[in-house]
């Protein structure tokens, strides 16, 4: 499940679309918790599934085009 969430995030960025983690979490009724850290210019994601102790961490290399 966590892999699929990461895939959705990477797919959004690869299509040039901003990924909004709050909207994603609401659409999935809180099943996933997505934390975002933004050390310029990159973006680090931590994904948890509700009720699970497993976490998936990964980063997306940023560019100056997407300063958020």
Foldseek 3Di string as FASTA:
>chain_A
DVVVVVVVCVVCVVVVHHDDVVVVCVVVPNQKDWDWDCDPPKIKIWIDGPPDPDIDIDIDDGDPVDDD
